Amino acid sequence: MRLIVLLPIVLTLAGTVPNYLAAQARQPIIDMHLHANSVERGPDGAPNRRPCNPSPCLGIPSKVQTVDDVLKLTLEAMDRNNIVLGFLSSSPLDNVYRWVEAAPGRFIASPGVGDPGEIDLSALRKDYEAGRLRGMGELGNQYAGIEATDQRLEPFFALAEEFDVPVLIHHHGTGAPSAQFRISMGHPEQLEDILVRHPELRLSIEAAGFPFLEETIALMYRYPLVYADLSLWKYPREAFHKYLRGLIEAGLGKRLMFGSDQMEWPDTVIDEEIEVIKSATFLTEEQKRDIFYNNAARFLRLSEAQIASHHRR
């Protein structure tokens, strides 16, 4: 009997970890906010440093030098952290399809939308009908100076509701430099009329509406299909944790999802975003698992078979 009890310990010490222990140590993660971006360069020709807040600050440089590096280092970070699925958007859409082809089964393809006037809706419809697209957005209308309530975006919300695909919208009070961007465009109250018109719409708010905590809580209380990703790496860790704690204390722990907002800095952003959530001492292990996987699986309506396959990776 004693030998039977000690067997798992002996195997572990010998370097053979039982499968069930390995599975516990390597839980799956879903990244609800990825971009298939190209590499942008500054006046000196070097790749742009990743953004940071508040100014003055100096963003961390990346190893990325080419477009191929972005994909390669993103996949390496996904493998390193057991990210089994990523909600991927970009403009042009060809970048997304190239990533999907390069890594089958790893991404949910979704079109990036800035100025809606530049998007061919009939072409999008064909891709939804063919099953090539399974999400809508990031809707980055704020960068084009367009509010979420603008009628030019209405066909995109209608299309997402029609095909029952989740929507990711850039809707918070800060963002990358843009002459058209206004803080007021990120106020969560702007989303209410959209949700009233489209009651079946599954909507994920980027960066959980930061810094509009009370307004985001009110919106999520009122509309149960609204979830939020936690892509807050651009801000000081203390601000990130304070905002996250507020959402948790409001009882919204079942509707918060991990999102890296990886653009062109995969070698730093993805690992850091995961570490910041893991280091939040006010979160229980159950809450961390919900954020990293369970909530997104529910939001995406993954099947039991898909969930089981993710936990076997």
Protein backbone atom coordinates (compact mmCIF):
# COMPACT_ATOMS: atom_id res chain seq x y z
CA MET A 1 0.00 0.00 0.00
CA ARG A 2 2.82 2.40 0.86
CA LEU A 3 4.44 1.82 -2.54
CA ILE A 4 1.19 2.74 -4.28
CA VAL A 5 0.89 6.00 -2.35
CA LEU A 6 4.48 7.00 -3.09
CA LEU A 7 4.46 6.05 -6.77
CA PRO A 8 3.35 9.50 -8.13
CA ILE A 9 6.08 11.16 -6.04
CA VAL A 10 8.73 8.75 -7.30
CA LEU A 11 7.67 9.28 -10.90
CA THR A 12 7.76 13.04 -10.45
CA LEU A 13 11.21 13.01 -8.88
CA ALA A 14 12.39 10.82 -11.72
CA GLY A 15 11.30 13.48 -14.18
CA THR A 16 8.11 11.75 -15.37
CA VAL A 17 5.17 13.99 -14.47
CA PRO A 18 1.77 12.24 -14.51
CA ASN A 19 -0.56 13.55 -17.22
CA TYR A 20 -3.11 14.93 -14.80
CA LEU A 21 -0.44 16.99 -13.01
CA ALA A 22 0.91 18.31 -16.31
CA ALA A 23 -2.60 19.35 -17.32
CA GLN A 24 -3.06 21.26 -14.07
CA ALA A 25 0.26 23.06 -14.55
CA ARG A 26 -0.50 24.07 -18.13
CA GLN A 27 -4.02 25.39 -18.31
CA PRO A 28 -5.28 26.80 -21.66
CA ILE A 29 -5.72 30.52 -22.34
CA ILE A 30 -7.90 32.30 -24.89
CA ASP A 31 -6.65 35.68 -26.13
CA MET A 32 -9.67 37.79 -27.07
CA HIS A 33 -7.71 40.67 -28.60
CA LEU A 34 -4.97 40.01 -31.16
CA HIS A 35 -3.92 41.95 -34.26
CA ALA A 36 -2.17 40.76 -37.43
CA ASN A 37 -0.35 44.07 -37.81
CA SER A 38 2.41 45.19 -40.07
CA VAL A 39 5.55 46.82 -38.63
CA GLU A 40 5.32 50.61 -38.28
CA ARG A 41 8.54 52.59 -38.19
CA GLY A 42 9.54 55.93 -36.76
CA PRO A 43 11.44 58.78 -38.46
CA ASP A 44 14.74 57.03 -37.73
CA GLY A 45 13.60 53.92 -39.60
CA ALA A 46 13.52 51.77 -36.47
CA PRO A 47 10.34 49.89 -35.50
CA ASN A 48 8.13 51.95 -33.20
CA ARG A 49 8.43 51.27 -29.49
CA ARG A 50 5.27 49.99 -27.87
CA PRO A 51 3.07 52.79 -26.38
CA CYS A 52 2.88 53.57 -22.69
CA ASN A 53 0.92 55.84 -20.33
CA PRO A 54 1.12 58.37 -18.78
CA SER A 55 3.55 60.57 -20.68
CA PRO A 56 6.45 61.15 -20.34
CA CYS A 57 7.43 57.51 -20.62
CA LEU A 58 9.59 55.41 -22.89
CA GLY A 59 8.01 52.29 -24.34
CA ILE A 60 9.88 49.00 -24.51
CA PRO A 61 11.52 48.19 -27.86
CA SER A 62 10.70 44.95 -29.65
CA LYS A 63 12.76 42.32 -31.44
CA VAL A 64 10.35 42.59 -34.38
CA GLN A 65 11.89 43.82 -37.60
CA THR A 66 9.59 42.40 -40.29
CA VAL A 67 5.95 41.41 -40.76
CA ASP A 68 6.98 37.76 -40.63
CA ASP A 69 8.57 38.41 -37.22
CA VAL A 70 5.19 39.55 -35.85
CA LEU A 71 3.55 36.25 -36.73
CA LYS A 72 6.53 34.13 -35.68
CA LEU A 73 6.93 35.79 -32.26
CA THR A 74 3.16 35.82 -31.67
CA LEU A 75 2.96 32.07 -32.25
CA GLU A 76 5.99 31.53 -30.02
CA ALA A 77 4.33 33.53 -27.23
CA MET A 78 1.09 31.61 -27.72
CA ASP A 79 2.93 28.28 -27.50
CA ARG A 80 4.94 29.43 -24.49
CA ASN A 81 1.79 30.42 -22.58
CA ASN A 82 -0.55 27.72 -23.95
CA ILE A 83 -2.79 30.25 -25.69
CA VAL A 84 -4.98 27.84 -27.61
CA LEU A 85 -7.15 30.36 -29.46
CA GLY A 86 -6.89 34.02 -30.46
CA PHE A 87 -9.55 36.47 -31.64
CA LEU A 88 -7.64 38.02 -34.55
CA SER A 89 -8.39 41.20 -36.48
CA SER A 90 -6.53 43.54 -38.79
CA SER A 91 -6.84 45.84 -41.73
CA PRO A 92 -6.19 44.80 -44.43
CA LEU A 93 -8.10 41.58 -43.91
CA ASP A 94 -5.59 39.68 -46.06
CA ASN A 95 -3.18 39.81 -43.10
CA VAL A 96 -5.71 37.94 -40.96
CA TYR A 97 -6.25 35.25 -43.58
CA ARG A 98 -2.51 34.81 -43.98
CA TRP A 99 -2.15 34.14 -40.24
CA VAL A 100 -5.13 31.75 -40.25
CA GLU A 101 -3.57 29.81 -43.12
CA ALA A 102 -0.18 29.73 -41.41
CA ALA A 103 -1.60 28.43 -38.11
CA PRO A 104 -4.84 26.48 -38.73
CA GLY A 105 -7.16 26.27 -35.75
CA ARG A 106 -5.31 28.89 -33.70
CA PHE A 107 -7.32 32.01 -34.63
CA ILE A 108 -10.86 33.34 -34.98
CA ALA A 109 -10.76 35.53 -38.09
CA SER A 110 -12.37 38.96 -37.79
CA PRO A 111 -12.17 42.15 -39.90
CA GLY A 112 -10.59 45.30 -38.51
CA VAL A 113 -12.78 48.35 -39.17
CA GLY A 114 -11.62 51.96 -38.92
CA ASP A 115 -13.48 54.20 -41.34
CA PRO A 116 -16.56 52.12 -42.27
CA GLY A 117 -16.73 53.87 -45.64
CA GLU A 118 -13.56 52.04 -46.69
CA ILE A 119 -15.03 48.56 -46.11
CA ASP A 120 -16.85 46.53 -48.77
CA LEU A 121 -19.83 45.16 -46.84
CA SER A 122 -20.92 42.85 -49.65
CA ALA A 123 -17.49 41.18 -49.59
CA LEU A 124 -17.69 40.79 -45.82
CA ARG A 125 -21.10 39.18 -46.12
CA LYS A 126 -19.73 36.60 -48.54
CA ASP A 127 -16.92 35.76 -46.13
CA TYR A 128 -19.38 35.30 -43.25
CA GLU A 129 -21.58 33.11 -45.42
CA ALA A 130 -18.54 31.01 -46.34
CA GLY A 131 -17.53 30.70 -42.68
CA ARG A 132 -14.19 32.43 -43.22
CA LEU A 133 -15.08 35.15 -40.70
CA ARG A 134 -16.32 34.32 -37.20
CA GLY A 135 -16.10 37.70 -35.49
CA MET A 136 -16.59 41.42 -36.10
CA GLY A 137 -13.97 44.02 -35.27
CA GLU A 138 -11.91 45.41 -33.69
CA LEU A 139 -14.14 48.31 -34.56
CA GLY A 140 -11.61 51.13 -34.32
CA ASN A 141 -13.99 53.89 -35.34
CA GLN A 142 -12.68 56.21 -32.63
CA TYR A 143 -9.39 56.57 -34.48
CA ALA A 144 -11.28 57.82 -37.52
CA GLY A 145 -13.19 60.36 -35.40
CA ILE A 146 -16.42 58.36 -35.73
CA GLU A 147 -18.65 57.72 -32.73
CA ALA A 148 -20.09 54.25 -32.15
CA THR A 149 -23.61 55.63 -32.63
CA ASP A 150 -22.80 56.92 -36.12
CA GLN A 151 -25.21 55.42 -38.66
CA ARG A 152 -22.28 54.38 -40.84
CA LEU A 153 -21.51 51.65 -38.29
CA GLU A 154 -25.07 50.38 -38.04
CA PRO A 155 -24.71 47.85 -40.93
CA PHE A 156 -21.72 46.28 -39.18
CA PHE A 157 -23.63 45.71 -35.93
CA ALA A 158 -26.58 44.37 -37.93
CA LEU A 159 -24.31 41.99 -39.85
CA ALA A 160 -22.73 40.69 -36.64
CA GLU A 161 -26.14 40.09 -35.07
CA GLU A 162 -27.44 38.41 -38.22
CA PHE A 163 -24.56 35.91 -38.32
CA ASP A 164 -24.40 35.65 -34.52
CA VAL A 165 -20.71 36.52 -34.26
CA PRO A 166 -19.08 38.36 -31.34
CA VAL A 167 -18.01 41.99 -31.71
CA LEU A 168 -14.84 43.61 -30.34
CA ILE A 169 -15.04 47.39 -30.13
CA HIS A 170 -12.31 49.88 -29.26
CA HIS A 171 -14.35 51.80 -26.72
CA HIS A 172 -12.44 53.39 -23.89
CA GLY A 173 -11.10 56.80 -22.97
CA THR A 174 -7.54 56.56 -24.25
CA GLY A 175 -5.87 55.30 -27.39
CA ALA A 176 -2.97 55.62 -29.77
CA PRO A 177 -2.17 59.04 -31.23
CA SER A 178 -4.85 60.20 -33.66
CA ALA A 179 -5.87 63.72 -34.60
CA GLN A 180 -9.50 62.56 -34.82
CA PHE A 181 -9.62 60.73 -31.49
CA ARG A 182 -11.66 62.26 -28.67
CA ILE A 183 -11.96 60.97 -25.10
CA SER A 184 -15.73 61.44 -25.15
CA MET A 185 -16.01 58.92 -27.99
CA GLY A 186 -14.99 56.17 -25.58
CA HIS A 187 -17.75 56.74 -23.03
CA PRO A 188 -19.61 53.43 -22.44
CA GLU A 189 -23.01 55.15 -22.44
CA GLN A 190 -22.64 55.55 -26.21
CA LEU A 191 -23.06 51.80 -26.58
CA GLU A 192 -26.49 51.62 -24.97
CA ASP A 193 -28.55 52.65 -27.99
CA ILE A 194 -26.70 50.05 -30.08
CA LEU A 195 -27.51 47.32 -27.56
CA VAL A 196 -31.16 48.36 -27.49
CA ARG A 197 -31.36 48.12 -31.29
CA HIS A 198 -29.49 44.81 -31.34
CA PRO A 199 -30.54 42.88 -28.21
CA GLU A 200 -28.84 39.64 -29.34
CA LEU A 201 -25.48 41.29 -29.99
CA ARG A 202 -22.51 39.80 -28.14
CA LEU A 203 -20.24 42.77 -27.48
CA SER A 204 -16.76 42.82 -25.94
CA ILE A 205 -15.47 46.20 -24.77
CA GLU A 206 -11.75 46.64 -25.29
CA ALA A 207 -9.74 47.54 -22.16
CA ALA A 208 -12.96 47.17 -20.14
CA GLY A 209 -13.94 50.76 -20.85
CA PHE A 210 -10.96 52.21 -18.95
CA PRO A 211 -11.03 54.63 -17.14
CA PHE A 212 -14.86 54.83 -17.01
CA LEU A 213 -15.31 52.26 -14.24
CA GLU A 214 -18.76 53.18 -12.90
CA GLU A 215 -20.22 53.64 -16.39
CA THR A 216 -18.79 50.29 -17.55
CA ILE A 217 -20.24 48.55 -14.50
CA ALA A 218 -23.65 50.09 -15.16
CA LEU A 219 -23.60 49.01 -18.80
CA MET A 220 -22.56 45.45 -17.95
CA TYR A 221 -25.20 45.20 -15.22
CA ARG A 222 -27.90 46.32 -17.62
CA TYR A 223 -26.84 44.24 -20.65
CA PRO A 224 -25.78 40.66 -19.78
CA LEU A 225 -24.36 39.91 -23.26
CA VAL A 226 -21.70 42.63 -22.78
CA TYR A 227 -18.30 41.26 -21.77
CA ALA A 228 -14.95 43.08 -21.52
CA ASP A 229 -11.33 42.28 -22.28
CA LEU A 230 -8.51 43.37 -19.98
CA SER A 231 -6.00 44.73 -22.51
CA LEU A 232 -4.59 47.30 -20.09
CA TRP A 233 -0.83 46.80 -20.42
CA LYS A 234 -0.36 50.41 -21.62
CA TYR A 235 -1.09 51.68 -18.11
CA PRO A 236 0.80 51.48 -14.79
CA ARG A 237 0.31 48.16 -13.03
CA GLU A 238 -1.23 49.87 -10.00
CA ALA A 239 -3.88 51.51 -12.21
CA PHE A 240 -4.55 48.20 -13.98
CA HIS A 241 -5.03 46.35 -10.67
CA LYS A 242 -7.17 49.09 -9.15
CA TYR A 243 -9.51 49.08 -12.16
CA LEU A 244 -9.65 45.28 -12.27
CA ARG A 245 -10.38 45.12 -8.54
CA GLY A 246 -13.28 47.53 -9.04
CA LEU A 247 -14.80 45.28 -11.70
CA ILE A 248 -14.30 42.19 -9.53
CA GLU A 249 -15.83 43.86 -6.47
CA ALA A 250 -18.81 44.77 -8.64
CA GLY A 251 -19.35 41.05 -9.21
CA LEU A 252 -18.34 40.99 -12.89
CA GLY A 253 -15.67 38.31 -12.61
CA LYS A 254 -17.63 35.96 -14.88
CA ARG A 255 -17.59 38.41 -17.79
CA LEU A 256 -13.98 39.59 -17.90
CA MET A 257 -11.63 38.05 -20.48
CA PHE A 258 -7.94 38.01 -21.16
CA GLY A 259 -6.91 40.12 -24.15
CA SER A 260 -3.34 41.05 -24.99
CA ASP A 261 -4.00 43.71 -27.64
CA GLN A 262 -0.86 42.41 -29.33
CA MET A 263 -0.10 44.65 -32.30
CA GLU A 264 3.57 44.51 -33.24
CA TRP A 265 5.27 43.76 -29.92
CA PRO A 266 4.46 40.08 -29.30
CA ASP A 267 7.74 39.33 -27.54
CA THR A 268 6.88 41.68 -24.65
CA VAL A 269 3.16 42.42 -24.54
CA ILE A 270 1.62 38.93 -24.33
CA ASP A 271 3.82 37.61 -21.50
CA GLU A 272 3.51 40.84 -19.54
CA GLU A 273 -0.28 40.97 -19.80
CA ILE A 274 -0.53 37.40 -18.50
CA GLU A 275 1.90 38.11 -15.65
CA VAL A 276 0.01 41.22 -14.54
CA ILE A 277 -3.20 39.22 -14.14
CA LYS A 278 -1.42 36.34 -12.41
CA SER A 279 0.16 38.82 -9.98
CA ALA A 280 -3.19 40.27 -8.91
CA THR A 281 -3.27 38.90 -5.35
CA PHE A 282 -6.92 39.87 -4.86
CA LEU A 283 -8.00 37.37 -7.53
CA THR A 284 -8.80 33.79 -6.54
CA GLU A 285 -7.48 30.93 -8.66
CA GLU A 286 -11.02 30.37 -9.91
CA GLN A 287 -11.30 34.01 -10.98
CA LYS A 288 -7.99 33.79 -12.84
CA ARG A 289 -9.13 30.66 -14.69
CA ASP A 290 -12.39 32.43 -15.59
CA ILE A 291 -10.46 35.41 -16.99
CA PHE A 292 -7.91 33.33 -18.85
CA TYR A 293 -10.29 30.80 -20.38
CA ASN A 294 -13.76 30.02 -19.01
CA ASN A 295 -15.44 33.36 -19.67
CA ALA A 296 -14.20 33.57 -23.25
CA ALA A 297 -15.29 29.97 -23.89
CA ARG A 298 -18.79 30.95 -22.78
CA PHE A 299 -18.78 34.24 -24.73
CA LEU A 300 -17.64 32.45 -27.90
CA ARG A 301 -20.08 29.60 -27.29
CA LEU A 302 -17.43 26.96 -27.71
CA SER A 303 -18.67 23.38 -27.81
CA GLU A 304 -17.85 20.82 -25.13
CA ALA A 305 -15.65 19.06 -27.67
CA GLN A 306 -13.68 22.25 -28.39
CA ILE A 307 -13.20 22.94 -24.68
CA ALA A 308 -12.07 19.36 -24.07
CA SER A 309 -9.57 19.56 -26.92
CA HIS A 310 -8.12 22.80 -25.52
CA HIS A 311 -7.58 21.17 -22.14
CA ARG A 312 -5.75 18.25 -23.75
CA ARG A 313 -3.15 20.48 -25.43
